Amino acid sequence: AALPGRIAALAAAGHATGGAAKRKRK
């Protein structure tokens, strides 16, 4: 139950999340 809110907070902080987080940023 906590995970959707955490992912949303990480995304709002500018992080790539979910499958996109696996790719390295250039």
PDB file of all heavy atoms in Angstrom:
ATOM      1  N   ALA A   1       0.818  -1.224   0.000  1.00  0.00           N
ATOM      2  CA  ALA A   1       0.000   0.000   0.000  1.00  0.00           C
ATOM      3  C   ALA A   1       0.849   1.271   0.000  1.00  0.00           C
ATOM      4  O   ALA A   1       0.435   2.294  -0.533  1.00  0.00           O
ATOM      5  CB  ALA A   1      -0.940  -0.006   1.206  1.00  0.00           C
ATOM      6  N   ALA A   2       2.040   1.208   0.583  1.00  0.00           N
ATOM      7  CA  ALA A   2       2.911   2.377   0.669  1.00  0.00           C
ATOM      8  C   ALA A   2       3.647   2.677  -0.643  1.00  0.00           C
ATOM      9  O   ALA A   2       4.080   3.812  -0.867  1.00  0.00           O
ATOM     10  CB  ALA A   2       3.931   2.179   1.787  1.00  0.00           C
ATOM     11  N   LEU A   3       3.779   1.697  -1.495  1.00  0.00           N
ATOM     12  CA  LEU A   3       4.644   1.835  -2.671  1.00  0.00           C
ATOM     13  C   LEU A   3       4.198   2.880  -3.698  1.00  0.00           C
ATOM     14  O   LEU A   3       5.052   3.648  -4.161  1.00  0.00           O
ATOM     15  CB  LEU A   3       4.851   0.475  -3.338  1.00  0.00           C
ATOM     16  CG  LEU A   3       5.482  -0.589  -2.422  1.00  0.00           C
ATOM     17  CD1 LEU A   3       5.683  -1.889  -3.196  1.00  0.00           C
ATOM     18  CD2 LEU A   3       6.777  -0.116  -1.803  1.00  0.00           C
ATOM     19  N   PRO A   4       2.939   2.965  -4.076  1.00  0.00           N
ATOM     20  CA  PRO A   4       2.570   3.988  -5.064  1.00  0.00           C
ATOM     21  C   PRO A   4       2.921   5.413  -4.614  1.00  0.00           C
ATOM     22  O   PRO A   4       3.408   6.219  -5.409  1.00  0.00           O
ATOM     23  CB  PRO A   4       1.058   3.807  -5.228  1.00  0.00           C
ATOM     24  CG  PRO A   4       0.816   2.385  -4.853  1.00  0.00           C
ATOM     25  CD  PRO A   4       1.810   2.095  -3.746  1.00  0.00           C
ATOM     26  N   GLY A   5       2.704   5.712  -3.348  1.00  0.00           N
ATOM     27  CA  GLY A   5       3.043   7.034  -2.824  1.00  0.00           C
ATOM     28  C   GLY A   5       4.536   7.288  -2.829  1.00  0.00           C
ATOM     29  O   GLY A   5       4.991   8.400  -3.123  1.00  0.00           O
ATOM     30  N   ARG A   6       5.293   6.261  -2.531  1.00  0.00           N
ATOM     31  CA  ARG A   6       6.755   6.402  -2.546  1.00  0.00           C
ATOM     32  C   ARG A   6       7.264   6.643  -3.963  1.00  0.00           C
ATOM     33  O   ARG A   6       8.104   7.523  -4.188  1.00  0.00           O
ATOM     34  CB  ARG A   6       7.422   5.147  -1.980  1.00  0.00           C
ATOM     35  CG  ARG A   6       7.181   4.954  -0.508  1.00  0.00           C
ATOM     36  CD  ARG A   6       7.830   3.678  -0.049  1.00  0.00           C
ATOM     37  NE  ARG A   6       7.534   3.373   1.335  1.00  0.00           N
ATOM     38  CZ  ARG A   6       7.990   2.300   1.962  1.00  0.00           C
ATOM     39  NH1 ARG A   6       8.761   1.416   1.324  1.00  0.00           N
ATOM     40  NH2 ARG A   6       7.683   2.084   3.227  1.00  0.00           N
ATOM     41  N   ILE A   7       6.757   5.866  -4.911  1.00  0.00           N
ATOM     42  CA  ILE A   7       7.179   6.035  -6.311  1.00  0.00           C
ATOM     43  C   ILE A   7       6.796   7.430  -6.799  1.00  0.00           C
ATOM     44  O   ILE A   7       7.580   8.105  -7.476  1.00  0.00           O
ATOM     45  CB  ILE A   7       6.574   4.929  -7.204  1.00  0.00           C
ATOM     46  CG1 ILE A   7       7.183   3.566  -6.847  1.00  0.00           C
ATOM     47  CG2 ILE A   7       6.775   5.244  -8.684  1.00  0.00           C
ATOM     48  CD1 ILE A   7       8.672   3.423  -7.124  1.00  0.00           C
ATOM     49  N   ALA A   8       5.610   7.891  -6.441  1.00  0.00           N
ATOM     50  CA  ALA A   8       5.168   9.236  -6.829  1.00  0.00           C
ATOM     51  C   ALA A   8       6.081  10.300  -6.222  1.00  0.00           C
ATOM     52  O   ALA A   8       6.448  11.272  -6.892  1.00  0.00           O
ATOM     53  CB  ALA A   8       3.723   9.465  -6.416  1.00  0.00           C
ATOM     54  N   ALA A   9       6.460  10.129  -4.967  1.00  0.00           N
ATOM     55  CA  ALA A   9       7.345  11.093  -4.305  1.00  0.00           C
ATOM     56  C   ALA A   9       8.731  11.093  -4.950  1.00  0.00           C
ATOM     57  O   ALA A   9       9.334  12.165  -5.133  1.00  0.00           O
ATOM     58  CB  ALA A   9       7.452  10.769  -2.811  1.00  0.00           C
ATOM     59  N   LEU A  10       9.231   9.918  -5.299  1.00  0.00           N
ATOM     60  CA  LEU A  10      10.536   9.837  -5.966  1.00  0.00           C
ATOM     61  C   LEU A  10      10.485  10.516  -7.334  1.00  0.00           C
ATOM     62  O   LEU A  10      11.401  11.254  -7.700  1.00  0.00           O
ATOM     63  CB  LEU A  10      10.977   8.373  -6.104  1.00  0.00           C
ATOM     64  CG  LEU A  10      11.367   7.671  -4.812  1.00  0.00           C
ATOM     65  CD1 LEU A  10      11.490   6.165  -5.048  1.00  0.00           C
ATOM     66  CD2 LEU A  10      12.663   8.233  -4.255  1.00  0.00           C
ATOM     67  N   ALA A  11       9.407  10.271  -8.068  1.00  0.00           N
ATOM     68  CA  ALA A  11       9.242  10.903  -9.383  1.00  0.00           C
ATOM     69  C   ALA A  11       9.134  12.419  -9.247  1.00  0.00           C
ATOM     70  O   ALA A  11       9.729  13.167 -10.028  1.00  0.00           O
ATOM     71  CB  ALA A  11       8.032  10.328 -10.101  1.00  0.00           C
ATOM     72  N   ALA A  12       8.395  12.875  -8.242  1.00  0.00           N
ATOM     73  CA  ALA A  12       8.241  14.318  -8.017  1.00  0.00           C
ATOM     74  C   ALA A  12       9.568  14.969  -7.648  1.00  0.00           C
ATOM     75  O   ALA A  12       9.783  16.151  -7.928  1.00  0.00           O
ATOM     76  CB  ALA A  12       7.206  14.567  -6.919  1.00  0.00           C
ATOM     77  N   ALA A  13      10.463  14.189  -7.052  1.00  0.00           N
ATOM     78  CA  ALA A  13      11.788  14.699  -6.688  1.00  0.00           C
ATOM     79  C   ALA A  13      12.753  14.650  -7.874  1.00  0.00           C
ATOM     80  O   ALA A  13      13.926  14.994  -7.729  1.00  0.00           O
ATOM     81  CB  ALA A  13      12.346  13.902  -5.512  1.00  0.00           C
ATOM     82  N   GLY A  14      12.263  14.198  -9.029  1.00  0.00           N
ATOM     83  CA  GLY A  14      13.087  14.206 -10.233  1.00  0.00           C
ATOM     84  C   GLY A  14      13.796  12.911 -10.564  1.00  0.00           C
ATOM     85  O   GLY A  14      14.615  12.876 -11.477  1.00  0.00           O
ATOM     86  N   HIS A  15      13.491  11.856  -9.843  1.00  0.00           N
ATOM     87  CA  HIS A  15      14.122  10.560 -10.116  1.00  0.00           C
ATOM     88  C   HIS A  15      13.392   9.815 -11.224  1.00  0.00           C
ATOM     89  O   HIS A  15      12.166   9.884 -11.313  1.00  0.00           O
ATOM     90  CB  HIS A  15      14.104   9.674  -8.864  1.00  0.00           C
ATOM     91  CG  HIS A  15      14.935  10.175  -7.750  1.00  0.00           C
ATOM     92  ND1 HIS A  15      16.301  10.160  -7.766  1.00  0.00           N
ATOM     93  CD2 HIS A  15      14.577  10.727  -6.558  1.00  0.00           C
ATOM     94  CE1 HIS A  15      16.765  10.663  -6.638  1.00  0.00           C
ATOM     95  NE2 HIS A  15      15.730  11.025  -5.889  1.00  0.00           N
ATOM     96  N   ALA A  16      14.145   9.084 -12.045  1.00  0.00           N
ATOM     97  CA  ALA A  16      13.528   8.123 -12.950  1.00  0.00           C
ATOM     98  C   ALA A  16      13.061   6.971 -12.069  1.00  0.00           C
ATOM     99  O   ALA A  16      13.781   6.545 -11.165  1.00  0.00           O
ATOM    100  CB  ALA A  16      14.537   7.637 -13.978  1.00  0.00           C
ATOM    101  N   THR A  17      11.860   6.485 -12.301  1.00  0.00           N
ATOM    102  CA  THR A  17      11.312   5.423 -11.461  1.00  0.00           C
ATOM    103  C   THR A  17      10.832   4.259 -12.320  1.00  0.00           C
ATOM    104  O   THR A  17      10.740   4.366 -13.537  1.00  0.00           O
ATOM    105  CB  THR A  17      10.143   5.946 -10.611  1.00  0.00           C
ATOM    106  OG1 THR A  17       9.124   6.459 -11.466  1.00  0.00           O
ATOM    107  CG2 THR A  17      10.596   7.020  -9.627  1.00  0.00           C
ATOM    108  N   GLY A  18      10.511   3.162 -11.659  1.00  0.00           N
ATOM    109  CA  GLY A  18      10.044   1.977 -12.356  1.00  0.00           C
ATOM    110  C   GLY A  18      11.120   1.450 -13.294  1.00  0.00           C
ATOM    111  O   GLY A  18      12.313   1.533 -13.000  1.00  0.00           O
ATOM    112  N   GLY A  19      10.719   0.929 -14.428  1.00  0.00           N
ATOM    113  CA  GLY A  19      11.656   0.387 -15.401  1.00  0.00           C
ATOM    114  C   GLY A  19      12.638   1.420 -15.927  1.00  0.00           C
ATOM    115  O   GLY A  19      13.771   1.089 -16.275  1.00  0.00           O
ATOM    116  N   ALA A  20      12.235   2.690 -15.973  1.00  0.00           N
ATOM    117  CA  ALA A  20      13.122   3.754 -16.447  1.00  0.00           C
ATOM    118  C   ALA A  20      14.323   3.947 -15.525  1.00  0.00           C
ATOM    119  O   ALA A  20      15.367   4.437 -15.953  1.00  0.00           O
ATOM    120  CB  ALA A  20      12.347   5.056 -16.594  1.00  0.00           C
ATOM    121  N   ALA A  21      14.206   3.574 -14.273  1.00  0.00           N
ATOM    122  CA  ALA A  21      15.308   3.726 -13.323  1.00  0.00           C
ATOM    123  C   ALA A  21      16.439   2.752 -13.609  1.00  0.00           C
ATOM    124  O   ALA A  21      17.556   2.954 -13.164  1.00  0.00           O
ATOM    125  CB  ALA A  21      14.807   3.541 -11.896  1.00  0.00           C
ATOM    126  N   LYS A  22      16.142   1.714 -14.345  1.00  0.00           N
ATOM    127  CA  LYS A  22      17.154   0.713 -14.657  1.00  0.00           C
ATOM    128  C   LYS A  22      18.179   1.247 -15.661  1.00  0.00           C
ATOM    129  O   LYS A  22      19.341   0.868 -15.619  1.00  0.00           O
ATOM    130  CB  LYS A  22      16.489  -0.548 -15.211  1.00  0.00           C
ATOM    131  CG  LYS A  22      17.375  -1.748 -15.203  1.00  0.00           C
ATOM    132  CD  LYS A  22      16.564  -2.994 -15.491  1.00  0.00           C
ATOM    133  CE  LYS A  22      17.292  -4.197 -14.929  1.00  0.00           C
ATOM    134  NZ  LYS A  22      16.472  -5.377 -14.905  1.00  0.00           N
ATOM    135  N   ARG A  23      17.728   2.132 -16.518  1.00  0.00           N
ATOM    136  CA  ARG A  23      18.630   2.696 -17.527  1.00  0.00           C
ATOM    137  C   ARG A  23      19.502   3.751 -16.897  1.00  0.00           C
ATOM    138  O   ARG A  23      19.039   4.580 -16.121  1.00  0.00           O
ATOM    139  CB  ARG A  23      17.815   3.294 -18.654  1.00  0.00           C
ATOM    140  CG  ARG A  23      16.975   2.277 -19.417  1.00  0.00           C
ATOM    141  CD  ARG A  23      16.279   2.984 -20.556  1.00  0.00           C
ATOM    142  NE  ARG A  23      14.954   2.607 -20.907  1.00  0.00           N
ATOM    143  CZ  ARG A  23      13.882   2.482 -20.161  1.00  0.00           C
ATOM    144  NH1 ARG A  23      13.936   2.686 -18.896  1.00  0.00           N
ATOM    145  NH2 ARG A  23      12.710   2.149 -20.659  1.00  0.00           N
ATOM    146  N   LYS A  24      20.760   3.746 -17.256  1.00  0.00           N
ATOM    147  CA  LYS A  24      21.678   4.755 -16.736  1.00  0.00           C
ATOM    148  C   LYS A  24      21.439   6.079 -17.424  1.00  0.00           C
ATOM    149  O   LYS A  24      21.191   6.139 -18.622  1.00  0.00           O
ATOM    150  CB  LYS A  24      23.127   4.317 -16.957  1.00  0.00           C
ATOM    151  CG  LYS A  24      23.505   3.129 -16.127  1.00  0.00           C
ATOM    152  CD  LYS A  24      24.957   2.807 -16.284  1.00  0.00           C
ATOM    153  CE  LYS A  24      25.304   1.614 -15.415  1.00  0.00           C
ATOM    154  NZ  LYS A  24      26.693   1.258 -15.499  1.00  0.00           N
ATOM    155  N   ARG A  25      21.490   7.136 -16.637  1.00  0.00           N
ATOM    156  CA  ARG A  25      21.333   8.479 -17.190  1.00  0.00           C
ATOM    157  C   ARG A  25      22.621   8.887 -17.874  1.00  0.00           C
ATOM    158  O   ARG A  25      23.718   8.563 -17.438  1.00  0.00           O
ATOM    159  CB  ARG A  25      21.011   9.494 -16.093  1.00  0.00           C
ATOM    160  CG  ARG A  25      19.641   9.304 -15.523  1.00  0.00           C
ATOM    161  CD  ARG A  25      19.353  10.426 -14.581  1.00  0.00           C
ATOM    162  NE  ARG A  25      18.080  10.179 -13.925  1.00  0.00           N
ATOM    163  CZ  ARG A  25      17.478  11.062 -13.189  1.00  0.00           C
ATOM    164  NH1 ARG A  25      18.014  12.227 -12.985  1.00  0.00           N
ATOM    165  NH2 ARG A  25      16.332  10.793 -12.624  1.00  0.00           N
ATOM    166  N   LYS A  26      22.479   9.663 -18.938  1.00  0.00           N
ATOM    167  CA  LYS A  26      23.657  10.168 -19.669  1.00  0.00           C
ATOM    168  C   LYS A  26      24.030  11.531 -19.188  1.00  0.00           C
ATOM    169  O   LYS A  26      23.294  12.296 -18.723  1.00  0.00           O
ATOM    170  CB  LYS A  26      23.365  10.188 -21.162  1.00  0.00           C
ATOM    171  CG  LYS A  26      23.206   8.795 -21.707  1.00  0.00           C
ATOM    172  CD  LYS A  26      22.925   8.854 -23.185  1.00  0.00           C
ATOM    173  CE  LYS A  26      22.769   7.455 -23.723  1.00  0.00           C
ATOM    174  NZ  LYS A  26      22.498   7.440 -25.132  1.00  0.00           N
TER     175      LYS A  26
END
